[in-house]
């Protein structure tokens, strides 16, 4: 149960942290428990495997990451609290779960801010992105980097969404996060906060009509068995913070800390590239084997959605001084590509 699920050889992207071999040799061997609420093949699980493999490589086997997937050690809230209080060493959890404690992190999910996985991969490793989670340390945890859980789309049990009015009143599962509630209230659905593990049954019994979700979760959580219509809205990303208990991190040697930092940063781009390819392949499979329908938005619907959420966007931009610099960094990346 606690064995590392797989070891993946990956190529680094050259962050440039120098690690001393003598420091590694002298450091005591360390085992860290990394727990997840998600199930394979969720992108956060891929990120965990990539990170563990890179840590093993850089530490020459002296740092072992034991991975506990599938909510073995708790759900999103329990794992977040577990890392803060030290009962869990590490987790990869959605950034939205930390919004109450670090409001700046909401910048990552402002609607229609980031247009592609490639743009997110560039933005996630900027100093401006790192500044968004700097306040996390006051809660007893640190974040090593940001991974991606999958661009979010709109899945309904059986209703096709073609025009703005089709959203009206749909009982839609959203994460219990203020920003998400504000976004979906602006769109006009009936947003329904619900625990992640309850969504399948709610779709199956049609307690809810829809869920905003990523492509990988459709298969990982078996939503494809009970819901068939996907509108590819790409309304926001689903970033995941690689969090670690601060006291545990501080107990490591500087060389061990550098290994964790380097492994985290070097695996962001490979994880997001793998996610993009996985999404593309999975959509083909879900369409051909499970009968799901994937529809793209018309330019008119996309413009109406952007207009509907514009007031929410403007409200949240002013919530923290680190947000505007991040938005400026994203704009600069967009202009340079």
Protein backbone atom coordinates (compact mmCIF):
# COMPACT_ATOMS: atom_id res chain seq x y z
CA UNK A 1 0.00 0.00 0.00
CA UNK A 2 2.78 2.39 0.76
CA UNK A 3 5.09 1.38 -2.06
CA UNK A 4 5.83 4.01 -4.69
CA UNK A 5 3.42 3.41 -7.51
CA UNK A 6 5.91 3.75 -10.32
CA UNK A 7 9.21 5.38 -11.13
CA UNK A 8 9.30 7.56 -14.20
CA UNK A 9 12.46 8.75 -15.92
CA UNK A 10 12.10 12.39 -16.88
CA UNK A 11 14.22 15.10 -18.39
CA UNK A 12 14.79 18.22 -16.29
CA UNK A 13 14.15 21.72 -17.59
CA UNK A 14 17.28 23.22 -16.09
CA UNK A 15 16.35 25.24 -13.04
CA UNK A 16 20.00 25.40 -12.05
CA UNK A 17 20.06 24.49 -8.34
CA UNK A 18 23.39 23.01 -7.29
CA UNK A 19 23.36 20.06 -4.90
CA UNK A 20 26.50 18.90 -3.16
CA UNK A 21 27.21 15.18 -3.29
CA UNK A 22 29.00 15.35 0.07
CA UNK A 23 25.92 16.88 1.67
CA UNK A 24 23.75 14.08 0.32
CA UNK A 25 26.12 11.40 1.55
CA UNK A 26 26.28 12.82 5.04
CA UNK A 27 22.54 13.41 5.39
CA UNK A 28 20.46 10.79 7.11
CA UNK A 29 18.07 8.90 4.84
CA UNK A 30 14.56 10.34 4.89
CA UNK A 31 11.13 8.94 4.02
CA UNK A 32 8.32 11.41 3.36
CA UNK A 33 4.65 10.50 3.06
CA UNK A 34 2.85 12.23 0.17
CA UNK A 35 -0.93 11.72 0.34
CA UNK A 36 -3.54 12.52 -2.29
CA UNK A 37 -7.32 12.64 -2.37
CA UNK A 38 -7.35 11.88 -6.11
CA UNK A 39 -7.27 8.54 -7.92
CA UNK A 40 -5.24 7.42 -10.89
CA UNK A 41 -5.09 8.58 -13.62
CA UNK A 42 -5.72 12.04 -12.14
CA UNK A 43 -2.96 14.54 -13.08
CA UNK A 44 -2.07 15.15 -9.43
CA UNK A 45 -1.16 11.46 -9.15
CA UNK A 46 1.04 11.78 -12.22
CA UNK A 47 2.67 14.82 -10.63
CA UNK A 48 3.32 12.84 -7.44
CA UNK A 49 4.99 10.04 -9.39
CA UNK A 50 7.14 12.46 -11.39
CA UNK A 51 8.17 14.33 -8.26
CA UNK A 52 9.01 11.14 -6.36
CA UNK A 53 11.09 9.82 -9.22
CA UNK A 54 13.02 13.08 -9.58
CA UNK A 55 13.66 13.25 -5.81
CA UNK A 56 14.97 9.68 -5.89
CA UNK A 57 17.25 10.58 -8.80
CA UNK A 58 18.63 13.80 -7.30
CA UNK A 59 19.09 12.35 -3.82
CA UNK A 60 20.68 9.15 -5.12
CA UNK A 61 18.07 7.17 -3.24
CA UNK A 62 18.52 8.88 0.12
CA UNK A 63 15.08 10.55 0.06
CA UNK A 64 12.10 8.27 -0.50
CA UNK A 65 8.63 9.61 -1.26
CA UNK A 66 5.89 7.14 -0.24
CA UNK A 67 2.67 7.91 -2.12
CA UNK A 68 -0.79 7.31 -0.62
CA UNK A 69 -3.47 7.91 -3.31
CA UNK A 70 -7.25 7.45 -3.36
CA UNK A 71 -8.09 9.33 -0.15
CA UNK A 72 -6.29 6.67 1.92
CA UNK A 73 -5.25 9.29 4.47
CA UNK A 74 -8.16 11.67 4.01
CA UNK A 75 -10.04 13.95 1.65
CA UNK A 76 -8.91 17.37 0.44
CA UNK A 77 -9.74 19.18 3.68
CA UNK A 78 -8.27 16.47 5.92
CA UNK A 79 -5.02 16.32 3.96
CA UNK A 80 -4.65 20.09 3.90
CA UNK A 81 -5.08 20.21 7.67
CA UNK A 82 -2.86 17.15 8.08
CA UNK A 83 0.02 18.89 6.34
CA UNK A 84 -0.47 22.06 8.37
CA UNK A 85 -0.44 20.15 11.67
CA UNK A 86 2.21 17.60 10.72
CA UNK A 87 0.21 14.36 10.63
CA UNK A 88 0.92 14.17 6.88
CA UNK A 89 4.27 15.25 5.41
CA UNK A 90 3.14 16.32 1.96
CA UNK A 91 0.10 16.57 -0.29
CA UNK A 92 -0.89 17.87 -3.70
CA UNK A 93 -4.22 19.59 -3.27
CA UNK A 94 -6.20 22.06 -5.29
CA UNK A 95 -5.20 25.65 -4.70
CA UNK A 96 -8.86 26.53 -4.14
CA UNK A 97 -8.78 24.54 -0.88
CA UNK A 98 -6.37 27.15 0.49
CA UNK A 99 -8.20 30.27 -0.70
CA UNK A 100 -9.48 31.22 2.76
CA UNK A 101 -5.96 31.20 4.17
CA UNK A 102 -4.04 32.63 1.21
CA UNK A 103 -6.41 34.83 -0.84
CA UNK A 104 -3.75 35.64 -3.45
CA UNK A 105 -3.93 32.06 -4.71
CA UNK A 106 -7.35 32.81 -6.22
CA UNK A 107 -5.55 34.61 -9.04
CA UNK A 108 -4.79 31.19 -10.55
CA UNK A 109 -8.50 30.55 -11.13
CA UNK A 110 -9.76 33.88 -12.35
CA UNK A 111 -12.07 32.92 -15.23
CA UNK A 112 -10.63 32.86 -18.75
CA UNK A 113 -7.28 34.26 -17.59
CA UNK A 114 -5.06 31.46 -18.93
CA UNK A 115 -5.80 30.09 -22.38
CA UNK A 116 -3.67 26.97 -22.68
CA UNK A 117 -1.59 24.41 -20.83
CA UNK A 118 1.60 25.77 -22.38
CA UNK A 119 0.80 29.23 -21.06
CA UNK A 120 0.08 27.84 -17.60
CA UNK A 121 3.36 25.88 -17.56
CA UNK A 122 5.26 29.11 -18.21
CA UNK A 123 3.23 31.13 -15.71
CA UNK A 124 3.39 28.59 -12.87
CA UNK A 125 7.15 28.84 -12.41
CA UNK A 126 7.44 32.63 -12.49
CA UNK A 127 8.43 34.58 -9.36
CA UNK A 128 5.03 36.27 -9.57
CA UNK A 129 3.29 32.88 -9.27
CA UNK A 130 5.48 31.89 -6.33
CA UNK A 131 4.52 35.13 -4.58
CA UNK A 132 0.88 34.02 -4.67
CA UNK A 133 1.50 31.31 -2.07
CA UNK A 134 4.17 32.98 0.04
CA UNK A 135 1.66 33.62 2.85
CA UNK A 136 1.13 29.87 3.30
CA UNK A 137 4.07 29.65 5.72
CA UNK A 138 2.09 31.40 8.45
CA UNK A 139 -0.29 28.41 8.54
CA UNK A 140 2.40 25.82 9.25
CA UNK A 141 3.03 24.68 5.68
CA UNK A 142 5.06 25.68 2.64
CA UNK A 143 4.39 25.15 -1.07
CA UNK A 144 7.19 23.89 -3.29
CA UNK A 145 5.48 24.48 -6.62
CA UNK A 146 2.22 24.51 -8.57
CA UNK A 147 1.09 21.56 -10.67
CA UNK A 148 -2.01 21.40 -12.84
CA UNK A 149 -5.06 19.20 -12.39
CA UNK A 150 -6.70 19.89 -15.71
CA UNK A 151 -8.48 22.70 -17.48
CA UNK A 152 -12.12 22.77 -16.36
CA UNK A 153 -15.11 22.14 -18.60
CA UNK A 154 -18.88 21.77 -18.15
CA UNK A 155 -20.35 18.23 -17.96
CA UNK A 156 -24.10 17.62 -17.92
CA UNK A 157 -26.06 14.42 -17.47
CA UNK A 158 -27.88 14.77 -20.79
CA UNK A 159 -28.49 18.42 -21.68
CA UNK A 160 -26.57 20.05 -24.52
CA UNK A 161 -25.42 23.60 -23.79
CA UNK A 162 -25.50 25.75 -26.91
CA UNK A 163 -26.59 29.23 -25.82
CA UNK A 164 -26.28 31.23 -22.62
CA UNK A 165 -29.86 30.50 -21.58
CA UNK A 166 -29.11 26.77 -21.46
CA UNK A 167 -27.08 27.32 -18.28
CA UNK A 168 -30.01 28.90 -16.48
CA UNK A 169 -30.98 27.13 -13.27
CA UNK A 170 -28.92 23.98 -13.84
CA UNK A 171 -28.08 22.46 -10.46
CA UNK A 172 -24.31 22.30 -10.83
CA UNK A 173 -21.72 20.87 -8.47
CA UNK A 174 -18.94 23.31 -7.69
CA UNK A 175 -16.21 23.15 -5.10
CA UNK A 176 -17.23 24.88 -1.84
CA UNK A 177 -15.13 27.94 -2.64
CA UNK A 178 -16.30 31.56 -2.65
CA UNK A 179 -14.72 32.42 -6.00
CA UNK A 180 -16.33 29.44 -7.73
CA UNK A 181 -19.73 30.26 -6.26
CA UNK A 182 -19.43 33.85 -7.46
CA UNK A 183 -18.39 32.76 -10.95
CA UNK A 184 -21.22 30.30 -11.42
CA UNK A 185 -23.84 32.55 -9.88
CA UNK A 186 -22.78 35.12 -12.48
CA UNK A 187 -23.19 32.53 -15.24
CA UNK A 188 -26.73 31.78 -14.03
CA UNK A 189 -26.59 28.15 -12.93
CA UNK A 190 -27.67 26.96 -9.49
CA UNK A 191 -24.22 26.31 -7.95
CA UNK A 192 -24.27 23.45 -5.45
CA UNK A 193 -21.24 22.97 -3.17
CA UNK A 194 -20.57 19.28 -2.66
CA UNK A 195 -17.69 17.07 -1.51
CA UNK A 196 -15.65 15.57 -4.35
CA UNK A 197 -16.45 12.00 -3.34
CA UNK A 198 -20.22 12.58 -3.52
CA UNK A 199 -20.43 13.77 -7.13
CA UNK A 200 -20.87 10.41 -8.87
CA UNK A 201 -23.94 9.44 -6.86
CA UNK A 202 -25.42 12.91 -7.24
CA UNK A 203 -25.08 12.69 -11.03
CA UNK A 204 -26.40 9.12 -11.08
CA UNK A 205 -29.54 10.05 -9.10
CA UNK A 206 -29.80 13.40 -10.92
CA UNK A 207 -29.65 15.21 -7.61
CA UNK A 208 -27.47 17.52 -9.69
CA UNK A 209 -27.72 18.24 -13.41
CA UNK A 210 -24.11 19.08 -14.08
CA UNK A 211 -20.58 19.45 -12.74
CA UNK A 212 -17.71 21.67 -13.77
CA UNK A 213 -14.76 19.34 -13.97
CA UNK A 214 -11.60 18.33 -15.80
CA UNK A 215 -11.36 15.64 -18.47
CA UNK A 216 -9.30 13.22 -16.40
CA UNK A 217 -11.77 13.25 -13.52
CA UNK A 218 -14.56 12.20 -15.88
CA UNK A 219 -12.84 8.83 -16.23
CA UNK A 220 -11.06 8.62 -12.86
CA UNK A 221 -14.29 9.21 -10.94
CA UNK A 222 -16.38 7.26 -13.51
CA UNK A 223 -18.62 10.23 -14.34
CA UNK A 224 -18.67 8.87 -17.90
CA UNK A 225 -21.06 6.16 -16.66
CA UNK A 226 -23.73 8.66 -15.64
CA UNK A 227 -23.18 11.87 -17.67
CA UNK A 228 -22.66 12.27 -21.42
CA UNK A 229 -22.56 15.91 -22.58
CA UNK A 230 -19.35 17.97 -22.31
CA UNK A 231 -19.05 21.62 -23.28
CA UNK A 232 -15.38 22.54 -23.66
CA UNK A 233 -15.51 25.85 -21.85
CA UNK A 234 -11.95 25.88 -20.47
CA UNK A 235 -13.20 28.43 -17.94
CA UNK A 236 -10.26 28.07 -15.54
CA UNK A 237 -7.39 25.78 -14.65
CA UNK A 238 -7.27 23.52 -11.59
CA UNK A 239 -3.88 24.24 -10.01
CA UNK A 240 -2.55 22.01 -7.26
CA UNK A 241 -0.08 23.13 -4.63
CA UNK A 242 2.65 20.68 -3.69
CA UNK A 243 2.46 21.40 0.04
CA UNK A 244 4.77 20.26 2.82
CA UNK A 245 4.65 20.61 6.57
CA UNK A 246 6.97 23.51 7.42
CA UNK A 247 8.45 21.94 10.55
CA UNK A 248 9.27 18.79 8.59
CA UNK A 249 10.87 20.85 5.83
CA UNK A 250 12.88 22.87 8.35
CA UNK A 251 14.16 19.64 9.92
CA UNK A 252 15.91 18.66 6.67
CA UNK A 253 19.44 19.64 5.75
CA UNK A 254 19.92 22.51 3.26
CA UNK A 255 20.99 19.96 0.65
CA UNK A 256 17.82 17.93 1.16
CA UNK A 257 15.70 21.08 0.93
CA UNK A 258 17.40 22.00 -2.34
CA UNK A 259 16.67 18.54 -3.73
CA UNK A 260 12.96 18.92 -2.98
CA UNK A 261 12.87 22.41 -4.46
CA UNK A 262 14.70 21.39 -7.62
CA UNK A 263 12.60 18.25 -8.09
CA UNK A 264 9.41 20.27 -7.71
CA UNK A 265 10.35 22.94 -10.23
CA UNK A 266 11.82 20.53 -12.78
CA UNK A 267 8.67 18.41 -12.91
CA UNK A 268 6.13 21.19 -13.58
CA UNK A 269 6.60 21.37 -17.34
CA UNK A 270 6.75 17.57 -17.91
CA UNK A 271 3.63 17.12 -15.78
CA UNK A 272 1.64 19.70 -17.72
CA UNK A 273 2.84 18.41 -21.09
CA UNK A 274 1.78 14.90 -20.09
CA UNK A 275 -1.58 16.25 -18.95
CA UNK A 276 -2.29 17.95 -22.28
CA UNK A 277 -1.54 14.78 -24.22
CA UNK A 278 -3.57 12.73 -21.75
CA UNK A 279 -6.59 15.02 -22.19
CA UNK A 280 -6.43 14.75 -25.96
CA UNK A 281 -6.16 10.96 -25.92
CA UNK A 282 -8.83 10.54 -23.26
CA UNK A 283 -11.39 12.64 -25.11
CA UNK A 284 -11.05 10.34 -28.10
CA UNK A 285 -11.51 7.29 -25.87
CA UNK A 286 -14.50 8.71 -24.00
CA UNK A 287 -16.18 9.67 -27.23
CA UNK A 288 -15.57 6.41 -29.08
CA UNK A 289 -15.98 3.91 -26.24
CA UNK A 290 -18.37 5.63 -23.81
CA UNK A 291 -20.51 7.75 -26.11
CA UNK A 292 -19.67 11.12 -24.61
CA UNK A 293 -20.24 14.17 -26.75
CA UNK A 294 -17.64 16.97 -26.74
CA UNK A 295 -18.86 20.33 -28.03
CA UNK A 296 -16.87 23.51 -28.55
CA UNK A 297 -18.32 26.90 -27.67
CA UNK A 298 -19.49 29.27 -30.34
CA UNK A 299 -17.67 32.64 -30.39
CA UNK A 300 -20.93 34.27 -29.30
CA UNK A 301 -21.33 32.03 -26.24
CA UNK A 302 -17.71 32.51 -25.25
CA UNK A 303 -18.10 36.28 -25.45
CA UNK A 304 -21.30 36.14 -23.36
CA UNK A 305 -19.60 34.03 -20.68
CA UNK A 306 -16.67 36.43 -20.49
CA UNK A 307 -19.05 39.34 -20.17
CA UNK A 308 -21.06 37.59 -17.45
CA UNK A 309 -18.03 36.93 -15.24
CA UNK A 310 -16.26 40.25 -15.84
CA UNK A 311 -17.59 41.84 -12.61
CA UNK A 312 -16.32 38.84 -10.60
CA UNK A 313 -12.92 39.15 -12.23
CA UNK A 314 -12.70 42.84 -11.37
CA UNK A 315 -13.74 42.19 -7.77
CA UNK A 316 -11.06 39.59 -7.09
CA UNK A 317 -8.16 41.40 -8.74
CA UNK A 318 -8.00 43.81 -5.81
CA UNK A 319 -8.04 41.14 -3.06
CA UNK A 320 -4.26 40.92 -2.61
CA UNK A 321 -1.26 42.97 -3.76
CA UNK A 322 0.39 39.91 -5.34
CA UNK A 323 -2.47 39.36 -7.80
CA UNK A 324 -1.94 42.22 -10.25
CA UNK A 325 1.78 41.47 -10.75
CA UNK A 326 0.82 37.88 -11.61
CA UNK A 327 -1.78 39.08 -14.11
CA UNK A 328 0.85 41.35 -15.67
CA UNK A 329 3.24 38.40 -15.93
CA UNK A 330 0.57 36.31 -17.68
CA UNK A 331 -0.11 39.17 -20.11
CA UNK A 332 3.60 39.44 -20.86
CA UNK A 333 3.80 35.71 -21.56
CA UNK A 334 0.76 35.93 -23.85
CA UNK A 335 2.32 38.78 -25.81
CA UNK A 336 5.67 36.99 -26.16
CA UNK A 337 4.16 33.80 -27.63
